[in-house]
Amino acid sequence: MSLGLIGRKLGVTQVFSENGEVVPVTIIEAGPCVVVQKKTQEKDGYNALQVGFVERGEKRLKKPEKGHFEKHGTKGFAFLKEFRTAEAENYQAGEEIKVDIFTAGERVNVTGVSKGKGFAGGVKRWGFRGGPATHGSMFHRAPGSVGASAFPSRVLKGKRLPGHMGNAQITVKNLQVIDVRSEKNLLLVRGAVPGARSSIVLVKKQQ
């Protein structure tokens, strides 16, 4: 596993490359994140860093959360995430990890929760073609046959059907870092990442 940051998706825009090409990018406010807990192979069985993002006051922390942060001598945070990494021994609790761990041109994986669309039919959810749109067809957007009567006499698992669309964790891999703006903690990655504006995302270095 590799080191990463917790961030917030700010929106989508475009920038121009050196040769004048228009590049669609997503702007992510990546960090700064604070190391809350360091896990080691000797004590925990694996190497990892637990990092926090967005400070939260004591009054907004539950007792178990407050005890966890006090134990490791750090402030309270709204979001915690653990990254398994071989670089864990290079950091200490309370140390900041900033966006400058990334460099322009490298590849990253971005994880987020997709926009929830509610209940959706087969045409919207799976891209089914649907039936004839003419008057009297009575088969415009219905899913059609979902199983055979003789064999196997049941609906197979994984059958694409109407249901809850979106609101699922999605990871987009191998996105290129276009620019790193350390002074504003901004990371510009090529293409789209899952989630609505202002949603929380995880950015990891590509292995």
N, C-alpha and C. Protein backbone atom coordinates (compact mmCIF):
# COMPACT_ATOMS: atom_id res chain seq x y z
N MET A 1 0.84 -1.19 0.00
CA MET A 1 0.00 0.00 0.00
C MET A 1 0.88 1.24 0.00
N SER A 2 0.28 2.37 -0.33
CA SER A 2 1.06 3.59 -0.44
C SER A 2 0.42 4.72 0.34
N LEU A 3 1.20 5.74 0.60
CA LEU A 3 0.75 6.89 1.38
C LEU A 3 -0.23 7.73 0.58
N GLY A 4 -1.13 8.40 1.28
CA GLY A 4 -2.12 9.25 0.62
C GLY A 4 -2.60 10.33 1.55
N LEU A 5 -3.62 11.06 1.09
CA LEU A 5 -4.19 12.16 1.85
C LEU A 5 -5.71 12.11 1.78
N ILE A 6 -6.34 12.67 2.81
CA ILE A 6 -7.78 12.91 2.77
C ILE A 6 -7.97 14.30 2.18
N GLY A 7 -8.94 14.45 1.31
CA GLY A 7 -9.15 15.75 0.68
C GLY A 7 -10.63 16.03 0.47
N ARG A 8 -10.89 17.17 -0.14
CA ARG A 8 -12.24 17.59 -0.43
C ARG A 8 -12.32 18.01 -1.90
N LYS A 9 -13.29 17.45 -2.61
CA LYS A 9 -13.48 17.79 -4.02
C LYS A 9 -14.09 19.19 -4.12
N LEU A 10 -13.38 20.09 -4.79
CA LEU A 10 -13.85 21.47 -4.90
C LEU A 10 -14.64 21.73 -6.18
N GLY A 11 -14.33 21.01 -7.24
CA GLY A 11 -15.05 21.23 -8.49
C GLY A 11 -14.22 20.82 -9.69
N VAL A 12 -14.77 21.09 -10.87
CA VAL A 12 -14.14 20.70 -12.14
C VAL A 12 -13.91 21.94 -12.98
N THR A 13 -12.76 22.01 -13.64
CA THR A 13 -12.45 23.13 -14.53
C THR A 13 -11.53 22.62 -15.63
N GLN A 14 -10.88 23.53 -16.31
CA GLN A 14 -9.93 23.13 -17.34
C GLN A 14 -8.71 24.03 -17.29
N VAL A 15 -7.58 23.47 -17.66
CA VAL A 15 -6.33 24.22 -17.75
C VAL A 15 -5.71 23.94 -19.11
N PHE A 16 -4.69 24.70 -19.44
CA PHE A 16 -4.02 24.55 -20.73
C PHE A 16 -2.61 24.01 -20.51
N SER A 17 -2.25 23.01 -21.30
CA SER A 17 -0.91 22.45 -21.23
C SER A 17 0.07 23.36 -21.94
N GLU A 18 1.35 23.00 -21.90
CA GLU A 18 2.40 23.82 -22.52
C GLU A 18 2.22 23.93 -24.03
N ASN A 19 1.65 22.90 -24.65
CA ASN A 19 1.45 22.94 -26.11
C ASN A 19 0.07 23.45 -26.50
N GLY A 20 -0.68 24.02 -25.52
CA GLY A 20 -1.97 24.62 -25.82
C GLY A 20 -3.15 23.68 -25.76
N GLU A 21 -2.94 22.45 -25.34
CA GLU A 21 -4.03 21.47 -25.26
C GLU A 21 -4.92 21.79 -24.05
N VAL A 22 -6.24 21.70 -24.24
CA VAL A 22 -7.18 21.90 -23.15
C VAL A 22 -7.25 20.61 -22.32
N VAL A 23 -7.00 20.71 -21.01
CA VAL A 23 -6.98 19.54 -20.14
C VAL A 23 -8.08 19.68 -19.09
N PRO A 24 -9.10 18.80 -19.09
CA PRO A 24 -10.12 18.85 -18.04
C PRO A 24 -9.54 18.33 -16.73
N VAL A 25 -9.73 19.07 -15.65
CA VAL A 25 -9.15 18.68 -14.36
C VAL A 25 -10.18 18.81 -13.25
N THR A 26 -9.98 18.01 -12.20
CA THR A 26 -10.74 18.14 -10.96
C THR A 26 -9.83 18.75 -9.91
N ILE A 27 -10.33 19.76 -9.21
CA ILE A 27 -9.54 20.42 -8.17
C ILE A 27 -9.87 19.78 -6.82
N ILE A 28 -8.85 19.33 -6.12
CA ILE A 28 -9.02 18.68 -4.82
C ILE A 28 -8.21 19.44 -3.78
N GLU A 29 -8.87 19.81 -2.70
CA GLU A 29 -8.15 20.38 -1.55
C GLU A 29 -7.61 19.21 -0.74
N ALA A 30 -6.35 18.88 -0.96
CA ALA A 30 -5.75 17.69 -0.37
C ALA A 30 -4.94 18.08 0.86
N GLY A 31 -5.49 17.77 2.04
CA GLY A 31 -4.79 18.07 3.28
C GLY A 31 -4.84 19.56 3.61
N PRO A 32 -3.95 20.00 4.52
CA PRO A 32 -2.97 19.17 5.22
C PRO A 32 -3.62 18.22 6.21
N CYS A 33 -3.07 17.01 6.27
CA CYS A 33 -3.55 16.00 7.21
C CYS A 33 -2.53 15.83 8.34
N VAL A 34 -3.02 15.50 9.51
CA VAL A 34 -2.16 15.34 10.68
C VAL A 34 -2.11 13.86 11.06
N VAL A 35 -0.92 13.36 11.35
CA VAL A 35 -0.75 11.98 11.79
C VAL A 35 -1.31 11.85 13.20
N VAL A 36 -2.36 11.03 13.36
CA VAL A 36 -2.97 10.82 14.68
C VAL A 36 -2.36 9.61 15.37
N GLN A 37 -2.16 8.54 14.59
CA GLN A 37 -1.62 7.31 15.17
C GLN A 37 -0.70 6.63 14.18
N LYS A 38 0.40 6.09 14.69
CA LYS A 38 1.33 5.33 13.85
C LYS A 38 1.28 3.86 14.26
N LYS A 39 1.05 2.98 13.30
CA LYS A 39 1.01 1.55 13.58
C LYS A 39 2.25 0.88 12.99
N THR A 40 2.82 -0.05 13.75
CA THR A 40 4.06 -0.69 13.34
C THR A 40 3.89 -2.20 13.24
N GLN A 41 4.81 -2.83 12.52
CA GLN A 41 4.78 -4.28 12.34
C GLN A 41 4.94 -4.99 13.67
N GLU A 42 5.79 -4.49 14.54
CA GLU A 42 6.08 -5.13 15.82
C GLU A 42 4.87 -5.11 16.76
N LYS A 43 4.18 -3.98 16.81
CA LYS A 43 3.08 -3.82 17.77
C LYS A 43 1.72 -4.21 17.20
N ASP A 44 1.46 -3.85 15.94
CA ASP A 44 0.13 -4.04 15.37
C ASP A 44 0.06 -5.08 14.26
N GLY A 45 1.22 -5.56 13.82
CA GLY A 45 1.22 -6.58 12.77
C GLY A 45 1.30 -6.02 11.37
N TYR A 46 1.27 -4.71 11.22
CA TYR A 46 1.40 -4.08 9.91
C TYR A 46 1.81 -2.61 10.10
N ASN A 47 2.32 -2.00 9.05
CA ASN A 47 2.75 -0.61 9.10
C ASN A 47 1.68 0.27 8.47
N ALA A 48 1.27 1.30 9.20
CA ALA A 48 0.23 2.20 8.68
C ALA A 48 0.26 3.52 9.43
N LEU A 49 -0.36 4.51 8.81
CA LEU A 49 -0.54 5.82 9.44
C LEU A 49 -2.03 6.14 9.46
N GLN A 50 -2.51 6.54 10.62
CA GLN A 50 -3.89 7.05 10.71
C GLN A 50 -3.80 8.57 10.70
N VAL A 51 -4.45 9.19 9.74
CA VAL A 51 -4.36 10.64 9.59
C VAL A 51 -5.74 11.27 9.76
N GLY A 52 -5.75 12.53 10.20
CA GLY A 52 -6.98 13.26 10.42
C GLY A 52 -7.07 14.46 9.50
N PHE A 53 -8.31 14.83 9.17
CA PHE A 53 -8.55 15.96 8.27
C PHE A 53 -9.73 16.76 8.80
N VAL A 54 -9.63 18.08 8.80
CA VAL A 54 -10.63 19.04 9.28
C VAL A 54 -10.74 18.95 10.80
N GLU A 55 -10.17 19.93 11.47
CA GLU A 55 -10.20 19.97 12.93
C GLU A 55 -11.63 20.10 13.45
N ARG A 56 -11.88 19.44 14.58
CA ARG A 56 -13.21 19.49 15.21
C ARG A 56 -13.01 19.77 16.70
N GLY A 57 -13.79 20.72 17.24
CA GLY A 57 -13.67 21.09 18.64
C GLY A 57 -14.09 19.98 19.58
N GLU A 58 -13.63 20.07 20.85
CA GLU A 58 -13.92 19.03 21.84
C GLU A 58 -15.42 18.85 22.06
N LYS A 59 -16.18 19.92 22.01
CA LYS A 59 -17.61 19.83 22.26
C LYS A 59 -18.33 18.99 21.21
N ARG A 60 -17.74 18.84 20.05
CA ARG A 60 -18.37 18.08 18.97
C ARG A 60 -17.82 16.66 18.87
N LEU A 61 -16.98 16.26 19.82
CA LEU A 61 -16.41 14.92 19.82
C LEU A 61 -17.15 14.03 20.81
N LYS A 62 -17.35 12.78 20.45
CA LYS A 62 -17.90 11.82 21.39
C LYS A 62 -16.79 11.34 22.33
N LYS A 63 -17.18 10.77 23.47
CA LYS A 63 -16.19 10.40 24.47
C LYS A 63 -15.13 9.42 23.94
N PRO A 64 -15.51 8.37 23.19
CA PRO A 64 -14.47 7.48 22.65
C PRO A 64 -13.50 8.21 21.71
N GLU A 65 -14.05 9.12 20.89
CA GLU A 65 -13.20 9.89 19.97
C GLU A 65 -12.24 10.79 20.76
N LYS A 66 -12.78 11.47 21.77
CA LYS A 66 -11.97 12.36 22.59
C LYS A 66 -10.84 11.60 23.26
N GLY A 67 -11.17 10.41 23.80
CA GLY A 67 -10.15 9.59 24.45
C GLY A 67 -9.07 9.13 23.48
N HIS A 68 -9.48 8.81 22.26
CA HIS A 68 -8.51 8.37 21.24
C HIS A 68 -7.52 9.48 20.91
N PHE A 69 -8.04 10.69 20.70
CA PHE A 69 -7.16 11.80 20.35
C PHE A 69 -6.26 12.20 21.53
N GLU A 70 -6.81 12.17 22.74
CA GLU A 70 -6.00 12.52 23.92
C GLU A 70 -4.89 11.49 24.14
N LYS A 71 -5.18 10.23 23.88
CA LYS A 71 -4.19 9.18 24.06
C LYS A 71 -2.96 9.41 23.19
N HIS A 72 -3.20 9.91 21.96
CA HIS A 72 -2.08 10.12 21.03
C HIS A 72 -1.60 11.56 21.00
N GLY A 73 -2.20 12.42 21.85
CA GLY A 73 -1.71 13.78 21.98
C GLY A 73 -1.94 14.67 20.78
N THR A 74 -3.08 14.49 20.12
CA THR A 74 -3.38 15.33 18.95
C THR A 74 -4.73 16.01 19.14
N LYS A 75 -5.01 16.95 18.28
CA LYS A 75 -6.31 17.62 18.28
C LYS A 75 -7.38 16.69 17.70
N GLY A 76 -8.64 17.08 17.86
CA GLY A 76 -9.73 16.29 17.31
C GLY A 76 -9.95 16.58 15.84
N PHE A 77 -10.36 15.56 15.09
CA PHE A 77 -10.60 15.71 13.65
C PHE A 77 -11.94 15.09 13.27
N ALA A 78 -12.54 15.68 12.24
CA ALA A 78 -13.83 15.20 11.76
C ALA A 78 -13.70 13.92 10.95
N PHE A 79 -12.58 13.76 10.23
CA PHE A 79 -12.40 12.61 9.34
C PHE A 79 -11.08 11.92 9.65
N LEU A 80 -11.14 10.61 9.78
CA LEU A 80 -9.95 9.79 10.01
C LEU A 80 -9.84 8.73 8.92
N LYS A 81 -8.63 8.45 8.51
CA LYS A 81 -8.40 7.41 7.52
C LYS A 81 -7.03 6.80 7.76
N GLU A 82 -6.96 5.49 7.58
CA GLU A 82 -5.71 4.78 7.77
C GLU A 82 -5.12 4.40 6.41
N PHE A 83 -3.86 4.70 6.22
CA PHE A 83 -3.14 4.35 4.99
C PHE A 83 -2.03 3.38 5.35
N ARG A 84 -2.08 2.18 4.77
CA ARG A 84 -0.99 1.24 4.95
C ARG A 84 0.18 1.66 4.07
N THR A 85 1.33 1.87 4.68
CA THR A 85 2.49 2.34 3.92
C THR A 85 3.78 1.91 4.60
N ALA A 86 4.80 1.66 3.80
CA ALA A 86 6.11 1.32 4.33
C ALA A 86 6.84 2.56 4.85
N GLU A 87 6.29 3.75 4.57
CA GLU A 87 6.92 4.99 5.00
C GLU A 87 6.47 5.42 6.40
N ALA A 88 5.73 4.57 7.11
CA ALA A 88 5.17 4.95 8.41
C ALA A 88 6.25 5.35 9.42
N GLU A 89 7.39 4.67 9.37
CA GLU A 89 8.43 4.97 10.37
C GLU A 89 9.05 6.35 10.17
N ASN A 90 8.78 7.00 9.04
CA ASN A 90 9.35 8.33 8.80
C ASN A 90 8.51 9.45 9.42
N TYR A 91 7.36 9.10 10.02
CA TYR A 91 6.46 10.12 10.57
C TYR A 91 6.19 9.86 12.04
N GLN A 92 5.81 10.94 12.75
CA GLN A 92 5.47 10.87 14.16
C GLN A 92 4.08 11.45 14.37
N ALA A 93 3.40 11.05 15.46
CA ALA A 93 2.08 11.57 15.78
C ALA A 93 2.15 13.09 15.94
N GLY A 94 1.18 13.78 15.34
CA GLY A 94 1.16 15.24 15.39
C GLY A 94 1.82 15.91 14.20
N GLU A 95 2.52 15.12 13.37
CA GLU A 95 3.21 15.68 12.21
C GLU A 95 2.24 15.88 11.05
N GLU A 96 2.43 16.97 10.32
CA GLU A 96 1.56 17.28 9.18
C GLU A 96 2.07 16.62 7.91
N ILE A 97 1.13 16.13 7.11
CA ILE A 97 1.45 15.62 5.78
C ILE A 97 0.74 16.53 4.79
N LYS A 98 1.49 17.14 3.91
CA LYS A 98 0.92 18.12 3.00
C LYS A 98 0.87 17.60 1.57
N VAL A 99 0.27 18.41 0.71
CA VAL A 99 0.02 18.00 -0.67
C VAL A 99 1.33 17.84 -1.46
N ASP A 100 2.43 18.37 -0.93
CA ASP A 100 3.70 18.28 -1.67
C ASP A 100 4.28 16.86 -1.69
N ILE A 101 3.58 15.88 -1.09
CA ILE A 101 4.05 14.49 -1.25
C ILE A 101 3.77 14.00 -2.67
N PHE A 102 2.91 14.74 -3.39
CA PHE A 102 2.63 14.42 -4.79
C PHE A 102 3.43 15.34 -5.69
N THR A 103 3.70 14.87 -6.91
CA THR A 103 4.40 15.68 -7.89
C THR A 103 3.65 15.63 -9.21
N ALA A 104 3.76 16.69 -9.98
CA ALA A 104 3.08 16.75 -11.28
C ALA A 104 3.59 15.63 -12.18
N GLY A 105 2.68 14.96 -12.84
CA GLY A 105 3.04 13.89 -13.76
C GLY A 105 2.86 12.50 -13.20
N GLU A 106 2.85 12.35 -11.86
CA GLU A 106 2.68 11.01 -11.31
C GLU A 106 1.21 10.59 -11.33
N ARG A 107 0.97 9.31 -11.05
CA ARG A 107 -0.37 8.75 -11.12
C ARG A 107 -0.92 8.50 -9.72
N VAL A 108 -2.23 8.74 -9.56
CA VAL A 108 -2.87 8.55 -8.26
C VAL A 108 -4.19 7.81 -8.43
N ASN A 109 -4.67 7.23 -7.33
CA ASN A 109 -6.00 6.63 -7.26
C ASN A 109 -6.86 7.49 -6.36
N VAL A 110 -8.07 7.81 -6.80
CA VAL A 110 -8.96 8.67 -6.03
C VAL A 110 -10.23 7.89 -5.69
N THR A 111 -10.57 7.86 -4.39
CA THR A 111 -11.75 7.15 -3.91
C THR A 111 -12.75 8.15 -3.35
N GLY A 112 -14.02 7.98 -3.71
CA GLY A 112 -15.07 8.84 -3.21
C GLY A 112 -16.41 8.12 -3.25
N VAL A 113 -17.45 8.77 -2.74
CA VAL A 113 -18.80 8.22 -2.76
C VAL A 113 -19.57 8.93 -3.86
N SER A 114 -20.08 8.14 -4.81
CA SER A 114 -20.77 8.72 -5.96
C SER A 114 -22.06 9.41 -5.55
N LYS A 115 -22.56 10.28 -6.40
CA LYS A 115 -23.81 10.98 -6.14
C LYS A 115 -24.97 9.99 -6.07
N GLY A 116 -25.82 10.15 -5.08
CA GLY A 116 -26.99 9.29 -4.95
C GLY A 116 -28.09 9.74 -5.90
N LYS A 117 -28.66 8.81 -6.66
CA LYS A 117 -29.73 9.12 -7.61
C LYS A 117 -31.08 8.59 -7.17
N GLY A 118 -31.12 7.93 -6.00
CA GLY A 118 -32.38 7.35 -5.56
C GLY A 118 -32.74 6.10 -6.34
N PHE A 119 -34.03 5.74 -6.32
CA PHE A 119 -34.49 4.56 -7.05
C PHE A 119 -34.54 4.87 -8.54
N ALA A 120 -33.95 4.01 -9.35
CA ALA A 120 -33.90 4.23 -10.80
C ALA A 120 -34.25 2.94 -11.53
N GLY A 121 -34.84 3.09 -12.69
CA GLY A 121 -35.20 1.94 -13.51
C GLY A 121 -34.02 1.42 -14.32
N GLY A 122 -34.25 0.37 -15.08
CA GLY A 122 -33.18 -0.26 -15.84
C GLY A 122 -32.60 0.63 -16.92
N VAL A 123 -33.43 1.47 -17.53
CA VAL A 123 -32.93 2.34 -18.61
C VAL A 123 -31.93 3.35 -18.06
N LYS A 124 -32.25 3.97 -16.94
CA LYS A 124 -31.35 4.97 -16.36
C LYS A 124 -30.17 4.32 -15.64
N ARG A 125 -30.45 3.27 -14.90
CA ARG A 125 -29.42 2.66 -14.05
C ARG A 125 -28.41 1.85 -14.84
N TRP A 126 -28.86 1.13 -15.85
CA TRP A 126 -27.98 0.23 -16.58
C TRP A 126 -27.86 0.55 -18.07
N GLY A 127 -28.61 1.52 -18.54
CA GLY A 127 -28.51 1.87 -19.95
C GLY A 127 -29.27 0.94 -20.87
N PHE A 128 -30.34 0.29 -20.37
CA PHE A 128 -31.14 -0.58 -21.23
C PHE A 128 -31.75 0.24 -22.38
N ARG A 129 -31.91 -0.39 -23.53
CA ARG A 129 -32.41 0.30 -24.71
C ARG A 129 -33.88 0.61 -24.59
N GLY A 130 -34.64 -0.25 -23.92
CA GLY A 130 -36.08 -0.04 -23.85
C GLY A 130 -36.78 -0.59 -25.08
N GLY A 131 -38.09 -0.51 -25.06
CA GLY A 131 -38.86 -1.03 -26.19
C GLY A 131 -39.25 0.06 -27.16
N PRO A 132 -40.12 -0.24 -28.13
CA PRO A 132 -40.54 0.76 -29.10
C PRO A 132 -41.22 1.95 -28.41
N ALA A 133 -40.96 3.13 -28.92
CA ALA A 133 -41.52 4.34 -28.31
C ALA A 133 -42.85 4.72 -28.94
N THR A 134 -43.32 3.93 -29.89
CA THR A 134 -44.54 4.28 -30.61
C THR A 134 -45.78 4.03 -29.77
N HIS A 135 -46.88 4.63 -30.18
CA HIS A 135 -48.14 4.51 -29.47
C HIS A 135 -48.66 3.07 -29.53
N GLY A 136 -49.03 2.58 -28.36
CA GLY A 136 -49.63 1.24 -28.31
C GLY A 136 -48.65 0.12 -28.04
N SER A 137 -47.36 0.40 -27.95
CA SER A 137 -46.41 -0.69 -27.74
C SER A 137 -46.51 -1.28 -26.34
N MET A 138 -46.79 -0.44 -25.34
CA MET A 138 -46.93 -0.85 -23.93
C MET A 138 -45.65 -1.48 -23.39
N PHE A 139 -44.52 -1.19 -24.01
CA PHE A 139 -43.23 -1.71 -23.53
C PHE A 139 -42.17 -0.63 -23.78
N HIS A 140 -42.32 0.51 -23.08
CA HIS A 140 -41.41 1.62 -23.34
C HIS A 140 -40.09 1.52 -22.55
N ARG A 141 -40.19 1.41 -21.23
CA ARG A 141 -38.99 1.41 -20.39
C ARG A 141 -38.97 0.23 -19.42
N ALA A 142 -39.72 -0.82 -19.71
CA ALA A 142 -39.77 -1.99 -18.84
C ALA A 142 -38.48 -2.82 -18.97
N PRO A 143 -38.08 -3.55 -17.93
CA PRO A 143 -36.83 -4.32 -18.00
C PRO A 143 -36.90 -5.55 -18.88
N GLY A 144 -38.08 -6.07 -19.20
CA GLY A 144 -38.16 -7.27 -20.04
C GLY A 144 -38.04 -8.54 -19.23
N SER A 145 -37.70 -9.64 -19.88
CA SER A 145 -37.61 -10.94 -19.22
C SER A 145 -36.44 -10.96 -18.23
N VAL A 146 -36.67 -11.55 -17.06
CA VAL A 146 -35.60 -11.61 -16.05
C VAL A 146 -35.21 -13.06 -15.74
N GLY A 147 -35.82 -14.04 -16.37
CA GLY A 147 -35.45 -15.43 -16.12
C GLY A 147 -36.27 -16.36 -16.98
N ALA A 148 -35.85 -17.62 -17.03
CA ALA A 148 -36.54 -18.64 -17.83
C ALA A 148 -37.52 -19.41 -16.96
N SER A 149 -38.57 -19.94 -17.57
CA SER A 149 -39.60 -20.65 -16.80
C SER A 149 -39.20 -22.08 -16.47
N ALA A 150 -38.48 -22.75 -17.38
CA ALA A 150 -38.13 -24.16 -17.16
C ALA A 150 -36.79 -24.30 -16.43
N PHE A 151 -35.76 -23.73 -16.98
CA PHE A 151 -34.44 -23.82 -16.34
C PHE A 151 -33.76 -22.46 -16.43
N PRO A 152 -33.20 -21.92 -15.36
CA PRO A 152 -33.10 -22.54 -14.02
C PRO A 152 -34.28 -22.23 -13.11
N SER A 153 -35.37 -21.71 -13.65
CA SER A 153 -36.58 -21.44 -12.87
C SER A 153 -36.34 -20.46 -11.72
N ARG A 154 -35.44 -19.57 -11.89
CA ARG A 154 -35.17 -18.54 -10.88
C ARG A 154 -34.41 -17.39 -11.53
N VAL A 155 -34.32 -16.28 -10.83
CA VAL A 155 -33.56 -15.13 -11.32
C VAL A 155 -32.12 -15.28 -10.83
N LEU A 156 -31.19 -15.27 -11.75
CA LEU A 156 -29.78 -15.46 -11.40
C LEU A 156 -29.25 -14.27 -10.60
N LYS A 157 -28.32 -14.55 -9.70
CA LYS A 157 -27.70 -13.49 -8.92
C LYS A 157 -26.94 -12.54 -9.84
N GLY A 158 -27.01 -11.27 -9.51
CA GLY A 158 -26.30 -10.28 -10.32
C GLY A 158 -27.11 -9.75 -11.48
N LYS A 159 -28.35 -10.20 -11.62
CA LYS A 159 -29.21 -9.71 -12.71
C LYS A 159 -29.41 -8.21 -12.56
N ARG A 160 -29.22 -7.50 -13.66
CA ARG A 160 -29.37 -6.04 -13.64
C ARG A 160 -30.85 -5.67 -13.60
N LEU A 161 -31.26 -5.05 -12.51
CA LEU A 161 -32.66 -4.73 -12.29
C LEU A 161 -32.78 -3.30 -11.77
N PRO A 162 -34.00 -2.75 -11.75
CA PRO A 162 -34.19 -1.44 -11.12
C PRO A 162 -33.80 -1.49 -9.65
N GLY A 163 -33.36 -0.37 -9.11
CA GLY A 163 -32.96 -0.33 -7.71
C GLY A 163 -32.27 0.97 -7.36
N HIS A 164 -31.63 0.98 -6.19
CA HIS A 164 -30.94 2.18 -5.70
C HIS A 164 -29.72 2.47 -6.58
N MET A 165 -29.67 3.66 -7.13
CA MET A 165 -28.57 4.03 -8.03
C MET A 165 -27.66 5.05 -7.36
N GLY A 166 -26.38 4.83 -7.45
CA GLY A 166 -25.42 5.76 -6.89
C GLY A 166 -25.22 5.56 -5.40
N ASN A 167 -24.60 6.57 -4.75
CA ASN A 167 -24.32 6.54 -3.32
C ASN A 167 -23.49 5.31 -2.94
N ALA A 168 -22.49 5.01 -3.77
CA ALA A 168 -21.62 3.86 -3.54
C ALA A 168 -20.16 4.31 -3.62
N GLN A 169 -19.32 3.62 -2.88
CA GLN A 169 -17.89 3.96 -2.91
C GLN A 169 -17.28 3.51 -4.23
N ILE A 170 -16.59 4.44 -4.89
CA ILE A 170 -15.99 4.16 -6.19
C ILE A 170 -14.54 4.65 -6.18
N THR A 171 -13.65 3.86 -6.75
CA THR A 171 -12.25 4.25 -6.89
C THR A 171 -11.91 4.39 -8.36
N VAL A 172 -11.41 5.56 -8.74
CA VAL A 172 -10.94 5.80 -10.10
C VAL A 172 -9.42 5.72 -10.06
N LYS A 173 -8.86 4.82 -10.85
CA LYS A 173 -7.43 4.55 -10.78
C LYS A 173 -6.66 5.23 -11.92
N ASN A 174 -5.38 5.41 -11.64
CA ASN A 174 -4.42 5.84 -12.66
C ASN A 174 -4.71 7.22 -13.22
N LEU A 175 -5.15 8.15 -12.36
CA LEU A 175 -5.36 9.53 -12.81
C LEU A 175 -4.04 10.29 -12.74
N GLN A 176 -3.81 11.12 -13.72
CA GLN A 176 -2.55 11.87 -13.78
C GLN A 176 -2.65 13.17 -13.00
N VAL A 177 -1.62 13.45 -12.19
CA VAL A 177 -1.55 14.72 -11.48
C VAL A 177 -1.04 15.78 -12.46
N ILE A 178 -1.88 16.79 -12.71
CA ILE A 178 -1.51 17.84 -13.66
C ILE A 178 -0.70 18.95 -12.98
N ASP A 179 -1.10 19.31 -11.77
CA ASP A 179 -0.41 20.39 -11.06
C ASP A 179 -0.57 20.23 -9.56
N VAL A 180 0.43 20.67 -8.81
CA VAL A 180 0.39 20.68 -7.35
C VAL A 180 0.65 22.11 -6.89
N ARG A 181 -0.33 22.70 -6.20
CA ARG A 181 -0.20 24.08 -5.73
C ARG A 181 -0.13 24.06 -4.21
N SER A 182 1.10 23.92 -3.71
CA SER A 182 1.32 23.70 -2.28
C SER A 182 0.86 24.86 -1.42
N GLU A 183 0.98 26.09 -1.94
CA GLU A 183 0.62 27.25 -1.12
C GLU A 183 -0.87 27.28 -0.77
N LYS A 184 -1.70 26.63 -1.58
CA LYS A 184 -3.14 26.60 -1.33
C LYS A 184 -3.65 25.19 -1.05
N ASN A 185 -2.73 24.23 -0.91
CA ASN A 185 -3.08 22.82 -0.65
C ASN A 185 -3.99 22.24 -1.73
N LEU A 186 -3.73 22.60 -2.98
CA LEU A 186 -4.58 22.17 -4.08
C LEU A 186 -3.86 21.14 -4.95
N LEU A 187 -4.64 20.16 -5.37
CA LEU A 187 -4.14 19.12 -6.27
C LEU A 187 -5.05 19.09 -7.49
N LEU A 188 -4.47 19.21 -8.68
CA LEU A 188 -5.24 19.18 -9.92
C LEU A 188 -4.97 17.84 -10.61
N VAL A 189 -6.02 17.02 -10.75
CA VAL A 189 -5.87 15.72 -11.41
C VAL A 189 -6.69 15.70 -12.69
N ARG A 190 -6.16 15.01 -13.68
CA ARG A 190 -6.82 14.97 -14.98
C ARG A 190 -8.07 14.10 -14.93
N GLY A 191 -9.17 14.62 -15.47
CA GLY A 191 -10.40 13.84 -15.55
C GLY A 191 -11.30 14.06 -14.36
N ALA A 192 -12.31 13.20 -14.24
CA ALA A 192 -13.34 13.32 -13.21
C ALA A 192 -13.08 12.35 -12.07
N VAL A 193 -13.51 12.74 -10.88
CA VAL A 193 -13.44 11.85 -9.72
C VAL A 193 -14.85 11.72 -9.14
N PRO A 194 -15.14 10.62 -8.46
CA PRO A 194 -16.51 10.42 -7.95
C PRO A 194 -16.86 11.39 -6.84
N GLY A 195 -18.16 11.65 -6.68
CA GLY A 195 -18.63 12.48 -5.58
C GLY A 195 -19.15 13.82 -6.01
N ALA A 196 -19.94 14.43 -5.14
CA ALA A 196 -20.48 15.76 -5.38
C ALA A 196 -19.46 16.81 -4.97
N ARG A 197 -19.73 18.04 -5.31
CA ARG A 197 -18.86 19.14 -4.89
C ARG A 197 -18.84 19.22 -3.37
N SER A 198 -17.66 19.42 -2.80
CA SER A 198 -17.41 19.52 -1.35
C SER A 198 -17.43 18.17 -0.64
N SER A 199 -17.53 17.07 -1.39
CA SER A 199 -17.51 15.75 -0.76
C SER A 199 -16.07 15.33 -0.43
N ILE A 200 -15.95 14.40 0.52
CA ILE A 200 -14.64 13.93 0.97
C ILE A 200 -14.12 12.84 0.02
N VAL A 201 -12.86 12.94 -0.36
CA VAL A 201 -12.23 11.93 -1.22
C VAL A 201 -10.89 11.52 -0.62
N LEU A 202 -10.41 10.37 -1.04
CA LEU A 202 -9.09 9.87 -0.62
C LEU A 202 -8.20 9.82 -1.84
N VAL A 203 -7.01 10.36 -1.72
CA VAL A 203 -6.06 10.38 -2.83
C VAL A 203 -4.84 9.56 -2.41
N LYS A 204 -4.57 8.48 -3.16
CA LYS A 204 -3.43 7.62 -2.86
C LYS A 204 -2.47 7.61 -4.04
N LYS A 205 -1.20 7.45 -3.72
CA LYS A 205 -0.21 7.29 -4.77
C LYS A 205 -0.41 5.96 -5.48
N GLN A 206 -0.24 5.98 -6.80
CA GLN A 206 -0.34 4.75 -7.59
C GLN A 206 0.86 3.87 -7.30
N GLN A 207 0.61 2.59 -7.04
CA GLN A 207 1.74 1.70 -6.75
C GLN A 207 2.43 1.29 -8.04
